[in-house]
């Protein structure tokens, strides 16, 4: 990925953050940063892994969710600040993404972000990721891991930072946390349970999503930890509008659908990767 392109998208993200409470769309942002909207759309999607429209929507809804929990602003005012012309339109989109109406979300008093401000790696390279690049995370890696978790938060509905930190400390102590870096930057992280055969966390830096990092983690776990065992992971249910592509990525890796779940009040589904000899019996 060209360094210049990353700089361009960094400037675009900065503009979006500075004008988050204003009307924002592709044409407005393109005019502000002096790119054609077609070029900006392609460049942003290629770099970040989602469209500019989707990024803006998720950022605005995140700020709206924050206002619902931490302020007493009327719902209509929150809707208008989020860029919606009516409370009804805001409620429909908010429920699609958060699985609760704005009023229910306010009453629940449990804020979590759909999307935080995106921070790009300006020195990203194009490494050939191999299983040998995977290392066990240590206590010293926790700050970088948590920064990485905030970056890929769109893939983890209901993400609770404090709970994740405690679970990470446990996984590190049990040697159940893995990382891949590109120089100093964390580009992939995985936490798993030897006892249950589950992958509890699997994140890939969006700028590195084309480098088969998730597959490298799976190969490492299958070869070194879960030989001959099935692996489970939970993700968005089919059709969830909050899903930015995680479900499809897991299925492309060979995971099959299993039971529907509700985790921390959020509808999810378990997916299972069967050992090679069992695959045909589950087709």
C-alpha atoms as a PDB file:
ATOM      1  CA  UNK A   1       0.000   0.000   0.000  1.00  0.00           C
ATOM      2  CA  UNK A   2       1.470   3.332  -1.033  1.00  0.00           C
ATOM      3  CA  UNK A   3       2.597   5.625   1.762  1.00  0.00           C
ATOM      4  CA  UNK A   4       0.980   8.555  -0.046  1.00  0.00           C
ATOM      5  CA  UNK A   5      -2.399   6.822  -0.104  1.00  0.00           C
ATOM      6  CA  UNK A   6      -2.245   6.210   3.641  1.00  0.00           C
ATOM      7  CA  UNK A   7      -1.456   9.890   4.188  1.00  0.00           C
ATOM      8  CA  UNK A   8      -4.440  10.867   2.035  1.00  0.00           C
ATOM      9  CA  UNK A   9      -6.826   8.643   3.982  1.00  0.00           C
ATOM     10  CA  UNK A  10      -5.404   9.867   7.294  1.00  0.00           C
ATOM     11  CA  UNK A  11      -6.297  13.400   6.203  1.00  0.00           C
ATOM     12  CA  UNK A  12      -9.792  12.259   5.211  1.00  0.00           C
ATOM     13  CA  UNK A  13     -10.352  10.618   8.598  1.00  0.00           C
ATOM     14  CA  UNK A  14      -9.142  13.765  10.364  1.00  0.00           C
ATOM     15  CA  UNK A  15     -11.642  15.829   8.368  1.00  0.00           C
ATOM     16  CA  UNK A  16     -14.484  13.456   9.226  1.00  0.00           C
ATOM     17  CA  UNK A  17     -13.643  13.579  12.930  1.00  0.00           C
ATOM     18  CA  UNK A  18     -13.485  17.379  12.922  1.00  0.00           C
ATOM     19  CA  UNK A  19     -16.911  17.633  11.258  1.00  0.00           C
ATOM     20  CA  UNK A  20     -18.649  14.635  12.794  1.00  0.00           C
ATOM     21  CA  UNK A  21     -21.581  16.723  14.048  1.00  0.00           C
ATOM     22  CA  UNK A  22     -22.176  18.181  10.596  1.00  0.00           C
ATOM     23  CA  UNK A  23     -23.760  16.739   7.474  1.00  0.00           C
ATOM     24  CA  UNK A  24     -21.212  14.420   5.905  1.00  0.00           C
ATOM     25  CA  UNK A  25     -21.395  12.383   2.746  1.00  0.00           C
ATOM     26  CA  UNK A  26     -19.000  11.225   0.057  1.00  0.00           C
ATOM     27  CA  UNK A  27     -19.451  14.316  -2.092  1.00  0.00           C
ATOM     28  CA  UNK A  28     -19.003  16.744   0.813  1.00  0.00           C
ATOM     29  CA  UNK A  29     -15.810  15.075   2.012  1.00  0.00           C
ATOM     30  CA  UNK A  30     -14.443  14.700  -1.529  1.00  0.00           C
ATOM     31  CA  UNK A  31     -14.918  18.407  -2.185  1.00  0.00           C
ATOM     32  CA  UNK A  32     -13.270  19.305   1.119  1.00  0.00           C
ATOM     33  CA  UNK A  33     -10.146  17.230   0.459  1.00  0.00           C
ATOM     34  CA  UNK A  34     -10.076  17.975  -3.295  1.00  0.00           C
ATOM     35  CA  UNK A  35     -10.485  14.441  -4.653  1.00  0.00           C
ATOM     36  CA  UNK A  36     -13.069  13.109  -7.044  1.00  0.00           C
ATOM     37  CA  UNK A  37     -15.715  11.186  -5.130  1.00  0.00           C
ATOM     38  CA  UNK A  38     -15.045   8.094  -7.244  1.00  0.00           C
ATOM     39  CA  UNK A  39     -11.333   8.144  -6.449  1.00  0.00           C
ATOM     40  CA  UNK A  40     -12.004   8.818  -2.765  1.00  0.00           C
ATOM     41  CA  UNK A  41     -14.522   5.976  -2.544  1.00  0.00           C
ATOM     42  CA  UNK A  42     -12.111   3.482  -4.080  1.00  0.00           C
ATOM     43  CA  UNK A  43      -9.087   4.670  -2.107  1.00  0.00           C
ATOM     44  CA  UNK A  44     -10.906   4.744   1.242  1.00  0.00           C
ATOM     45  CA  UNK A  45     -12.488   1.316   0.800  1.00  0.00           C
ATOM     46  CA  UNK A  46      -9.210  -0.230  -0.329  1.00  0.00           C
ATOM     47  CA  UNK A  47      -7.336   1.197   2.659  1.00  0.00           C
ATOM     48  CA  UNK A  48      -9.842   0.880   5.498  1.00  0.00           C
ATOM     49  CA  UNK A  49     -11.898  -2.115   4.410  1.00  0.00           C
ATOM     50  CA  UNK A  50     -15.257  -0.345   4.513  1.00  0.00           C
ATOM     51  CA  UNK A  51     -16.795   2.470   2.519  1.00  0.00           C
ATOM     52  CA  UNK A  52     -16.524   6.061   3.657  1.00  0.00           C
ATOM     53  CA  UNK A  53     -20.321   6.124   3.979  1.00  0.00           C
ATOM     54  CA  UNK A  54     -20.236   3.137   6.330  1.00  0.00           C
ATOM     55  CA  UNK A  55     -17.378   4.605   8.377  1.00  0.00           C
ATOM     56  CA  UNK A  56     -19.218   7.908   8.815  1.00  0.00           C
ATOM     57  CA  UNK A  57     -22.455   6.150   9.741  1.00  0.00           C
ATOM     58  CA  UNK A  58     -20.766   3.943  12.325  1.00  0.00           C
ATOM     59  CA  UNK A  59     -18.851   6.857  13.834  1.00  0.00           C
ATOM     60  CA  UNK A  60     -21.994   8.998  14.072  1.00  0.00           C
ATOM     61  CA  UNK A  61     -23.993   6.173  15.646  1.00  0.00           C
ATOM     62  CA  UNK A  62     -21.187   5.564  18.137  1.00  0.00           C
ATOM     63  CA  UNK A  63     -21.277   9.202  19.207  1.00  0.00           C
ATOM     64  CA  UNK A  64     -25.076   9.016  19.383  1.00  0.00           C
ATOM     65  CA  UNK A  65     -24.860   5.940  21.605  1.00  0.00           C
ATOM     66  CA  UNK A  66     -22.449   7.811  23.860  1.00  0.00           C
ATOM     67  CA  UNK A  67     -24.911  10.703  24.171  1.00  0.00           C
ATOM     68  CA  UNK A  68     -27.739   8.309  24.976  1.00  0.00           C
ATOM     69  CA  UNK A  69     -25.817   6.867  27.915  1.00  0.00           C
ATOM     70  CA  UNK A  70     -23.840   9.843  29.188  1.00  0.00           C
ATOM     71  CA  UNK A  71     -26.206  12.762  28.564  1.00  0.00           C
ATOM     72  CA  UNK A  72     -29.843  13.665  29.057  1.00  0.00           C
ATOM     73  CA  UNK A  73     -30.330  15.074  25.569  1.00  0.00           C
ATOM     74  CA  UNK A  74     -33.787  14.289  24.127  1.00  0.00           C
ATOM     75  CA  UNK A  75     -33.888  11.466  21.588  1.00  0.00           C
ATOM     76  CA  UNK A  76     -34.862  13.825  18.774  1.00  0.00           C
ATOM     77  CA  UNK A  77     -31.856  16.048  19.466  1.00  0.00           C
ATOM     78  CA  UNK A  78     -29.548  13.016  19.460  1.00  0.00           C
ATOM     79  CA  UNK A  79     -31.110  11.900  16.171  1.00  0.00           C
ATOM     80  CA  UNK A  80     -30.542  15.304  14.574  1.00  0.00           C
ATOM     81  CA  UNK A  81     -26.937  15.444  15.800  1.00  0.00           C
ATOM     82  CA  UNK A  82     -26.379  12.021  14.241  1.00  0.00           C
ATOM     83  CA  UNK A  83     -27.566  13.376  10.900  1.00  0.00           C
ATOM     84  CA  UNK A  84     -31.095  11.960  10.771  1.00  0.00           C
ATOM     85  CA  UNK A  85     -34.074  14.103   9.861  1.00  0.00           C
ATOM     86  CA  UNK A  86     -36.488  12.275  12.131  1.00  0.00           C
ATOM     87  CA  UNK A  87     -36.436  10.262  15.324  1.00  0.00           C
ATOM     88  CA  UNK A  88     -38.138   7.414  13.478  1.00  0.00           C
ATOM     89  CA  UNK A  89     -35.379   7.138  10.862  1.00  0.00           C
ATOM     90  CA  UNK A  90     -32.713   7.295  13.569  1.00  0.00           C
ATOM     91  CA  UNK A  91     -34.454   4.603  15.621  1.00  0.00           C
ATOM     92  CA  UNK A  92     -34.638   2.242  12.652  1.00  0.00           C
ATOM     93  CA  UNK A  93     -30.930   2.510  11.796  1.00  0.00           C
ATOM     94  CA  UNK A  94     -29.823   2.498  15.435  1.00  0.00           C
ATOM     95  CA  UNK A  95     -31.738  -0.707  16.155  1.00  0.00           C
ATOM     96  CA  UNK A  96     -30.275  -2.376  13.057  1.00  0.00           C
ATOM     97  CA  UNK A  97     -26.792  -1.753  14.406  1.00  0.00           C
ATOM     98  CA  UNK A  98     -27.207  -1.955  18.192  1.00  0.00           C
ATOM     99  CA  UNK A  99     -30.135  -4.426  18.392  1.00  0.00           C
ATOM    100  CA  UNK A 100     -31.961  -2.072  20.762  1.00  0.00           C
ATOM    101  CA  UNK A 101     -34.001   1.053  20.181  1.00  0.00           C
ATOM    102  CA  UNK A 102     -32.337   4.283  21.353  1.00  0.00           C
ATOM    103  CA  UNK A 103     -34.670   4.367  24.358  1.00  0.00           C
ATOM    104  CA  UNK A 104     -33.874   0.762  25.301  1.00  0.00           C
ATOM    105  CA  UNK A 105     -30.166   1.469  24.851  1.00  0.00           C
ATOM    106  CA  UNK A 106     -30.399   4.515  27.129  1.00  0.00           C
ATOM    107  CA  UNK A 107     -32.247   2.526  29.778  1.00  0.00           C
ATOM    108  CA  UNK A 108     -29.658  -0.268  29.631  1.00  0.00           C
ATOM    109  CA  UNK A 109     -26.841   2.227  30.404  1.00  0.00           C
ATOM    110  CA  UNK A 110     -24.116   0.103  28.798  1.00  0.00           C
ATOM    111  CA  UNK A 111     -22.206   2.034  26.145  1.00  0.00           C
ATOM    112  CA  UNK A 112     -20.044   0.316  23.565  1.00  0.00           C
ATOM    113  CA  UNK A 113     -18.709   1.763  20.302  1.00  0.00           C
ATOM    114  CA  UNK A 114     -19.482   0.491  16.833  1.00  0.00           C
ATOM    115  CA  UNK A 115     -16.489   2.322  15.423  1.00  0.00           C
ATOM    116  CA  UNK A 116     -13.709   4.373  16.957  1.00  0.00           C
ATOM    117  CA  UNK A 117     -11.569   6.859  15.079  1.00  0.00           C
ATOM    118  CA  UNK A 118      -9.445   4.902  12.657  1.00  0.00           C
ATOM    119  CA  UNK A 119      -5.671   5.186  13.087  1.00  0.00           C
ATOM    120  CA  UNK A 120      -3.638   3.970  10.129  1.00  0.00           C
ATOM    121  CA  UNK A 121      -0.133   2.534  10.131  1.00  0.00           C
ATOM    122  CA  UNK A 122       1.784   5.012   7.980  1.00  0.00           C
ATOM    123  CA  UNK A 123       4.729   2.627   7.653  1.00  0.00           C
ATOM    124  CA  UNK A 124       2.789  -0.471   6.641  1.00  0.00           C
ATOM    125  CA  UNK A 125       4.740  -2.912   4.512  1.00  0.00           C
ATOM    126  CA  UNK A 126       3.546  -5.890   2.513  1.00  0.00           C
ATOM    127  CA  UNK A 127       4.905  -8.799   4.554  1.00  0.00           C
ATOM    128  CA  UNK A 128       4.453 -12.419   3.603  1.00  0.00           C
ATOM    129  CA  UNK A 129       2.887 -13.591   6.856  1.00  0.00           C
ATOM    130  CA  UNK A 130       3.934 -17.069   7.910  1.00  0.00           C
ATOM    131  CA  UNK A 131       3.145 -19.283  10.875  1.00  0.00           C
ATOM    132  CA  UNK A 132       6.705 -18.689  12.081  1.00  0.00           C
ATOM    133  CA  UNK A 133       5.857 -15.000  12.575  1.00  0.00           C
ATOM    134  CA  UNK A 134       3.344 -15.855  15.312  1.00  0.00           C
ATOM    135  CA  UNK A 135       4.463 -15.384  18.911  1.00  0.00           C
ATOM    136  CA  UNK A 136       2.812 -15.791  22.286  1.00  0.00           C
ATOM    137  CA  UNK A 137       1.766 -12.457  23.761  1.00  0.00           C
ATOM    138  CA  UNK A 138       3.341 -11.325  27.024  1.00  0.00           C
ATOM    139  CA  UNK A 139       2.375  -8.815  29.695  1.00  0.00           C
ATOM    140  CA  UNK A 140       4.547  -6.231  27.929  1.00  0.00           C
ATOM    141  CA  UNK A 141       2.348  -6.560  24.837  1.00  0.00           C
ATOM    142  CA  UNK A 142      -0.873  -5.569  26.612  1.00  0.00           C
ATOM    143  CA  UNK A 143      -0.833  -1.818  25.750  1.00  0.00           C
ATOM    144  CA  UNK A 144      -0.241  -2.532  22.050  1.00  0.00           C
ATOM    145  CA  UNK A 145      -2.842  -5.318  22.060  1.00  0.00           C
ATOM    146  CA  UNK A 146      -5.484  -3.030  23.573  1.00  0.00           C
ATOM    147  CA  UNK A 147      -4.739  -0.287  21.046  1.00  0.00           C
ATOM    148  CA  UNK A 148      -5.125  -2.895  18.328  1.00  0.00           C
ATOM    149  CA  UNK A 149      -8.433  -4.087  19.826  1.00  0.00           C
ATOM    150  CA  UNK A 150      -9.800  -0.539  19.600  1.00  0.00           C
ATOM    151  CA  UNK A 151      -8.771  -0.399  15.946  1.00  0.00           C
ATOM    152  CA  UNK A 152     -10.660  -3.573  14.981  1.00  0.00           C
ATOM    153  CA  UNK A 153     -13.600  -3.003  17.314  1.00  0.00           C
ATOM    154  CA  UNK A 154     -16.100  -3.132  14.435  1.00  0.00           C
ATOM    155  CA  UNK A 155     -15.783  -6.920  14.431  1.00  0.00           C
ATOM    156  CA  UNK A 156     -16.780  -7.419  18.055  1.00  0.00           C
ATOM    157  CA  UNK A 157     -20.347  -6.418  18.951  1.00  0.00           C
ATOM    158  CA  UNK A 158     -20.841  -5.463  22.570  1.00  0.00           C
ATOM    159  CA  UNK A 159     -17.094  -5.136  23.121  1.00  0.00           C
ATOM    160  CA  UNK A 160     -16.337  -4.300  26.752  1.00  0.00           C
ATOM    161  CA  UNK A 161     -12.793  -3.024  27.119  1.00  0.00           C
ATOM    162  CA  UNK A 162     -12.435  -3.790  30.833  1.00  0.00           C
ATOM    163  CA  UNK A 163     -13.693  -7.354  30.410  1.00  0.00           C
ATOM    164  CA  UNK A 164     -11.451  -7.891  27.405  1.00  0.00           C
ATOM    165  CA  UNK A 165      -8.422  -6.668  29.342  1.00  0.00           C
ATOM    166  CA  UNK A 166      -9.079  -9.088  32.195  1.00  0.00           C
ATOM    167  CA  UNK A 167      -9.589 -11.972  29.782  1.00  0.00           C
ATOM    168  CA  UNK A 168      -6.411 -11.024  27.930  1.00  0.00           C
ATOM    169  CA  UNK A 169      -4.378 -11.110  31.146  1.00  0.00           C
ATOM    170  CA  UNK A 170      -5.745 -14.584  31.871  1.00  0.00           C
ATOM    171  CA  UNK A 171      -4.974 -15.803  28.343  1.00  0.00           C
ATOM    172  CA  UNK A 172      -1.433 -14.451  28.493  1.00  0.00           C
ATOM    173  CA  UNK A 173      -0.839 -16.206  31.814  1.00  0.00           C
ATOM    174  CA  UNK A 174      -2.120 -19.465  30.290  1.00  0.00           C
ATOM    175  CA  UNK A 175      -0.173 -18.989  27.018  1.00  0.00           C
ATOM    176  CA  UNK A 176      -3.436 -18.720  25.126  1.00  0.00           C
ATOM    177  CA  UNK A 177      -2.823 -15.384  23.389  1.00  0.00           C
ATOM    178  CA  UNK A 178      -1.022 -15.020  20.046  1.00  0.00           C
ATOM    179  CA  UNK A 179       0.230 -12.013  18.086  1.00  0.00           C
ATOM    180  CA  UNK A 180       1.759 -11.038  14.767  1.00  0.00           C
ATOM    181  CA  UNK A 181       3.590  -7.750  14.256  1.00  0.00           C
ATOM    182  CA  UNK A 182       4.848  -5.832  11.260  1.00  0.00           C
ATOM    183  CA  UNK A 183       7.905  -4.311  12.878  1.00  0.00           C
ATOM    184  CA  UNK A 184       6.378  -2.640  15.962  1.00  0.00           C
ATOM    185  CA  UNK A 185       2.757  -2.580  14.818  1.00  0.00           C
ATOM    186  CA  UNK A 186       0.347  -5.339  15.871  1.00  0.00           C
ATOM    187  CA  UNK A 187      -1.337  -6.615  12.709  1.00  0.00           C
ATOM    188  CA  UNK A 188      -3.074  -9.674  14.125  1.00  0.00           C
ATOM    189  CA  UNK A 189      -4.112 -11.053  17.502  1.00  0.00           C
ATOM    190  CA  UNK A 190      -5.854 -14.205  18.651  1.00  0.00           C
ATOM    191  CA  UNK A 191      -6.945 -15.554  22.025  1.00  0.00           C
ATOM    192  CA  UNK A 192      -8.159 -19.115  22.459  1.00  0.00           C
ATOM    193  CA  UNK A 193      -9.117 -21.740  25.008  1.00  0.00           C
ATOM    194  CA  UNK A 194      -7.378 -25.106  25.070  1.00  0.00           C
ATOM    195  CA  UNK A 195     -10.143 -26.442  27.303  1.00  0.00           C
ATOM    196  CA  UNK A 196     -13.097 -25.623  25.052  1.00  0.00           C
ATOM    197  CA  UNK A 197     -11.366 -25.634  21.675  1.00  0.00           C
ATOM    198  CA  UNK A 198     -12.691 -22.165  20.964  1.00  0.00           C
ATOM    199  CA  UNK A 199     -11.134 -19.058  19.494  1.00  0.00           C
ATOM    200  CA  UNK A 200     -12.379 -16.317  21.778  1.00  0.00           C
ATOM    201  CA  UNK A 201     -10.829 -13.435  19.860  1.00  0.00           C
ATOM    202  CA  UNK A 202      -9.434 -13.124  16.343  1.00  0.00           C
ATOM    203  CA  UNK A 203      -8.591  -9.709  14.965  1.00  0.00           C
ATOM    204  CA  UNK A 204      -6.777  -8.610  11.820  1.00  0.00           C
ATOM    205  CA  UNK A 205      -5.536  -5.100  11.107  1.00  0.00           C
ATOM    206  CA  UNK A 206      -7.643  -3.788   8.192  1.00  0.00           C
ATOM    207  CA  UNK A 207      -4.564  -2.683   6.265  1.00  0.00           C
ATOM    208  CA  UNK A 208      -3.333  -6.292   6.350  1.00  0.00           C
ATOM    209  CA  UNK A 209      -6.563  -8.133   5.622  1.00  0.00           C
ATOM    210  CA  UNK A 210      -5.195  -9.392   2.280  1.00  0.00           C
ATOM    211  CA  UNK A 211      -2.207 -11.125   3.888  1.00  0.00           C
ATOM    212  CA  UNK A 212      -3.946 -14.293   5.166  1.00  0.00           C
ATOM    213  CA  UNK A 213      -3.268 -13.460   8.805  1.00  0.00           C
ATOM    214  CA  UNK A 214      -6.379 -15.237  10.085  1.00  0.00           C
ATOM    215  CA  UNK A 215      -5.368 -18.344   8.127  1.00  0.00           C
ATOM    216  CA  UNK A 216      -1.874 -18.197   9.632  1.00  0.00           C
ATOM    217  CA  UNK A 217      -3.377 -18.185  13.133  1.00  0.00           C
ATOM    218  CA  UNK A 218      -5.628 -21.124  12.268  1.00  0.00           C
ATOM    219  CA  UNK A 219      -2.723 -23.097  10.817  1.00  0.00           C
ATOM    220  CA  UNK A 220      -0.674 -22.444  13.952  1.00  0.00           C
ATOM    221  CA  UNK A 221      -3.493 -23.485  16.269  1.00  0.00           C
ATOM    222  CA  UNK A 222      -4.398 -26.571  14.235  1.00  0.00           C
ATOM    223  CA  UNK A 223      -0.809 -27.758  13.914  1.00  0.00           C
ATOM    224  CA  UNK A 224       0.436 -26.967  17.402  1.00  0.00           C
ATOM    225  CA  UNK A 225      -2.515 -26.831  19.768  1.00  0.00           C
ATOM    226  CA  UNK A 226      -5.764 -28.368  18.515  1.00  0.00           C
ATOM    227  CA  UNK A 227      -4.521 -31.219  16.332  1.00  0.00           C
ATOM    228  CA  UNK A 228      -7.474 -33.352  15.276  1.00  0.00           C
ATOM    229  CA  UNK A 229      -9.973 -31.193  17.178  1.00  0.00           C
ATOM    230  CA  UNK A 230     -12.745 -29.001  15.895  1.00  0.00           C
ATOM    231  CA  UNK A 231     -12.436 -25.262  16.474  1.00  0.00           C
ATOM    232  CA  UNK A 232     -15.352 -22.976  17.280  1.00  0.00           C
ATOM    233  CA  UNK A 233     -15.744 -19.228  17.015  1.00  0.00           C
ATOM    234  CA  UNK A 234     -18.731 -16.910  17.407  1.00  0.00           C
ATOM    235  CA  UNK A 235     -19.618 -14.035  15.126  1.00  0.00           C
ATOM    236  CA  UNK A 236     -22.500 -12.037  13.701  1.00  0.00           C
ATOM    237  CA  UNK A 237     -25.624 -13.829  12.576  1.00  0.00           C
ATOM    238  CA  UNK A 238     -26.399 -13.904   8.872  1.00  0.00           C
ATOM    239  CA  UNK A 239     -27.840 -10.616   7.652  1.00  0.00           C
ATOM    240  CA  UNK A 240     -26.685  -8.547  10.629  1.00  0.00           C
ATOM    241  CA  UNK A 241     -26.193  -5.029   9.267  1.00  0.00           C
ATOM    242  CA  UNK A 242     -23.505  -4.353  11.864  1.00  0.00           C
ATOM    243  CA  UNK A 243     -21.265  -7.009  10.300  1.00  0.00           C
ATOM    244  CA  UNK A 244     -18.445  -5.454   8.281  1.00  0.00           C
ATOM    245  CA  UNK A 245     -17.371  -8.783   6.784  1.00  0.00           C
ATOM    246  CA  UNK A 246     -16.242 -10.995   9.671  1.00  0.00           C
ATOM    247  CA  UNK A 247     -18.832 -13.716   9.092  1.00  0.00           C
ATOM    248  CA  UNK A 248     -17.960 -14.050   5.404  1.00  0.00           C
ATOM    249  CA  UNK A 249     -14.243 -14.141   6.214  1.00  0.00           C
ATOM    250  CA  UNK A 250     -14.700 -17.012   8.681  1.00  0.00           C
ATOM    251  CA  UNK A 251     -16.833 -18.994   6.256  1.00  0.00           C
ATOM    252  CA  UNK A 252     -14.216 -18.493   3.562  1.00  0.00           C
ATOM    253  CA  UNK A 253     -11.712 -20.081   5.949  1.00  0.00           C
ATOM    254  CA  UNK A 254     -13.903 -23.176   6.116  1.00  0.00           C
ATOM    255  CA  UNK A 255     -16.030 -22.575   9.208  1.00  0.00           C
ATOM    256  CA  UNK A 256     -19.528 -24.083   9.093  1.00  0.00           C
ATOM    257  CA  UNK A 257     -22.675 -22.745  10.718  1.00  0.00           C
ATOM    258  CA  UNK A 258     -23.695 -24.127  14.106  1.00  0.00           C
ATOM    259  CA  UNK A 259     -26.174 -23.001  16.754  1.00  0.00           C
ATOM    260  CA  UNK A 260     -27.561 -19.512  17.213  1.00  0.00           C
ATOM    261  CA  UNK A 261     -26.536 -17.807  20.450  1.00  0.00           C
ATOM    262  CA  UNK A 262     -27.147 -14.652  22.433  1.00  0.00           C
ATOM    263  CA  UNK A 263     -24.012 -13.288  24.088  1.00  0.00           C
ATOM    264  CA  UNK A 264     -24.203 -10.331  26.468  1.00  0.00           C
ATOM    265  CA  UNK A 265     -27.622  -9.574  25.020  1.00  0.00           C
ATOM    266  CA  UNK A 266     -26.381  -9.613  21.410  1.00  0.00           C
ATOM    267  CA  UNK A 267     -27.560 -12.190  18.826  1.00  0.00           C
ATOM    268  CA  UNK A 268     -24.606 -14.187  17.475  1.00  0.00           C
ATOM    269  CA  UNK A 269     -23.909 -17.578  15.930  1.00  0.00           C
ATOM    270  CA  UNK A 270     -21.325 -20.228  16.604  1.00  0.00           C
ATOM    271  CA  UNK A 271     -19.265 -21.376  13.629  1.00  0.00           C
ATOM    272  CA  UNK A 272     -17.210 -24.567  13.644  1.00  0.00           C
ATOM    273  CA  UNK A 273     -14.125 -25.617  11.711  1.00  0.00           C
ATOM    274  CA  UNK A 274     -14.066 -29.404  11.605  1.00  0.00           C
ATOM    275  CA  UNK A 275     -10.924 -31.530  11.253  1.00  0.00           C
ATOM    276  CA  UNK A 276     -10.303 -32.613   7.677  1.00  0.00           C
ATOM    277  CA  UNK A 277     -11.514 -36.173   8.233  1.00  0.00           C
ATOM    278  CA  UNK A 278     -14.844 -34.912   9.620  1.00  0.00           C
ATOM    279  CA  UNK A 279     -15.623 -32.333   6.939  1.00  0.00           C
ATOM    280  CA  UNK A 280     -17.634 -34.591   4.635  1.00  0.00           C
ATOM    281  CA  UNK A 281     -19.923 -35.816   7.414  1.00  0.00           C
ATOM    282  CA  UNK A 282     -21.021 -32.221   8.128  1.00  0.00           C
ATOM    283  CA  UNK A 283     -21.620 -31.068   4.560  1.00  0.00           C
END
